[in-house]
């Protein structure tokens, strides 16, 4: 499956833990032959949700690791680029400008 056609989860109003938990429940609930029509992406199969789950798991792991290494709110986005998930047209802005800072704020507590 090609990440180029997928939007990544945005953490504008949510957080990593809650979004990850919700997507895991959706994945478990959705029948194997279901088609998911998201608001801002292409039609997905159930298995396509794994990409989103993998992104959130990697985001959590990487941000926590950088916090342990002393990352600050000023440098966290540069320390967690995660290029393996790029391809979404506005990935740089959503990932570095929204998701990484939100994850940092959540896990720094």
Protein backbone atom coordinates (compact mmCIF):
# COMPACT_ATOMS: atom_id res chain seq x y z
CA UNK A 1 0.00 0.00 0.00
CA UNK A 2 1.30 3.42 -0.88
CA UNK A 3 1.54 6.03 1.87
CA UNK A 4 1.39 8.74 -0.80
CA UNK A 5 -2.39 8.34 -0.92
CA UNK A 6 -2.95 8.43 2.81
CA UNK A 7 -3.53 11.22 5.24
CA UNK A 8 -1.91 10.90 8.66
CA UNK A 9 -3.87 11.33 11.88
CA UNK A 10 -3.95 14.94 13.07
CA UNK A 11 -3.63 15.61 16.79
CA UNK A 12 -5.06 19.12 16.79
CA UNK A 13 -7.74 18.45 19.41
CA UNK A 14 -6.71 14.99 20.54
CA UNK A 15 -3.66 13.19 21.80
CA UNK A 16 -1.59 10.17 20.87
CA UNK A 17 -2.87 7.78 23.56
CA UNK A 18 -6.57 8.47 22.99
CA UNK A 19 -6.28 8.49 19.19
CA UNK A 20 -4.26 5.28 19.21
CA UNK A 21 -6.72 3.57 21.57
CA UNK A 22 -9.68 4.69 19.45
CA UNK A 23 -8.14 3.54 16.17
CA UNK A 24 -7.29 0.17 17.74
CA UNK A 25 -10.94 -0.23 18.77
CA UNK A 26 -12.10 0.78 15.28
CA UNK A 27 -9.70 -1.74 13.75
CA UNK A 28 -11.01 -4.52 16.01
CA UNK A 29 -14.65 -3.56 15.34
CA UNK A 30 -14.56 -3.12 11.56
CA UNK A 31 -15.32 -6.28 9.55
CA UNK A 32 -12.47 -7.56 7.38
CA UNK A 33 -14.30 -6.74 4.14
CA UNK A 34 -15.34 -3.21 5.18
CA UNK A 35 -14.40 -0.11 3.22
CA UNK A 36 -13.76 3.05 5.22
CA UNK A 37 -14.52 6.43 3.65
CA UNK A 38 -12.51 9.07 5.56
CA UNK A 39 -13.28 12.75 5.24
CA UNK A 40 -9.89 13.76 3.81
CA UNK A 41 -8.36 10.79 2.02
CA UNK A 42 -9.06 7.89 -0.27
CA UNK A 43 -11.21 4.89 0.52
CA UNK A 44 -9.45 2.50 2.90
CA UNK A 45 -9.58 -1.20 3.60
CA UNK A 46 -9.42 -2.43 7.18
CA UNK A 47 -5.77 -3.40 6.75
CA UNK A 48 -4.93 0.17 5.68
CA UNK A 49 -5.67 1.29 9.25
CA UNK A 50 -2.47 -0.48 10.30
CA UNK A 51 -0.46 2.27 8.61
CA UNK A 52 -2.17 4.85 10.84
CA UNK A 53 -1.66 2.68 13.91
CA UNK A 54 2.01 2.20 12.99
CA UNK A 55 2.45 5.96 12.59
CA UNK A 56 0.98 6.71 16.02
CA UNK A 57 2.98 3.91 17.69
CA UNK A 58 6.20 5.20 16.10
CA UNK A 59 5.36 8.79 17.03
CA UNK A 60 4.84 7.78 20.65
CA UNK A 61 8.01 5.67 20.79
CA UNK A 62 10.20 8.30 19.12
CA UNK A 63 8.92 11.27 21.12
CA UNK A 64 9.28 9.38 24.42
CA UNK A 65 12.83 8.36 23.47
CA UNK A 66 13.78 11.95 22.63
CA UNK A 67 12.27 13.25 25.86
CA UNK A 68 14.48 10.79 27.77
CA UNK A 69 17.47 12.14 25.82
CA UNK A 70 16.63 15.69 26.90
CA UNK A 71 14.64 17.06 23.96
CA UNK A 72 12.93 20.38 24.54
CA UNK A 73 9.76 21.80 23.07
CA UNK A 74 12.00 23.95 20.84
CA UNK A 75 13.91 21.07 19.20
CA UNK A 76 11.58 18.07 19.40
CA UNK A 77 10.21 18.37 15.86
CA UNK A 78 13.70 18.33 14.36
CA UNK A 79 14.58 15.28 16.44
CA UNK A 80 11.57 13.21 15.29
CA UNK A 81 11.37 13.51 11.46
CA UNK A 82 9.96 9.99 10.73
CA UNK A 83 10.47 10.19 6.93
CA UNK A 84 9.17 6.64 6.51
CA UNK A 85 5.67 8.07 6.94
CA UNK A 86 6.09 11.05 4.62
CA UNK A 87 4.30 11.24 1.30
CA UNK A 88 1.16 12.97 2.49
CA UNK A 89 1.04 16.34 0.71
CA UNK A 90 1.24 18.41 3.90
CA UNK A 91 3.12 15.84 5.99
CA UNK A 92 5.83 18.27 7.05
CA UNK A 93 3.35 20.70 8.52
CA UNK A 94 1.02 18.15 10.15
CA UNK A 95 3.75 15.91 11.53
CA UNK A 96 6.31 18.50 12.64
CA UNK A 97 3.98 21.43 13.29
CA UNK A 98 1.03 19.67 14.93
CA UNK A 99 1.60 16.03 15.89
CA UNK A 100 5.13 16.06 17.30
CA UNK A 101 4.51 19.13 19.50
CA UNK A 102 1.20 17.64 20.69
CA UNK A 103 2.89 14.33 21.54
CA UNK A 104 5.70 16.16 23.32
CA UNK A 105 3.23 18.14 25.41
CA UNK A 106 1.28 14.97 26.25
CA UNK A 107 4.28 12.83 27.22
CA UNK A 108 6.35 15.52 28.91
CA UNK A 109 3.82 15.70 31.77
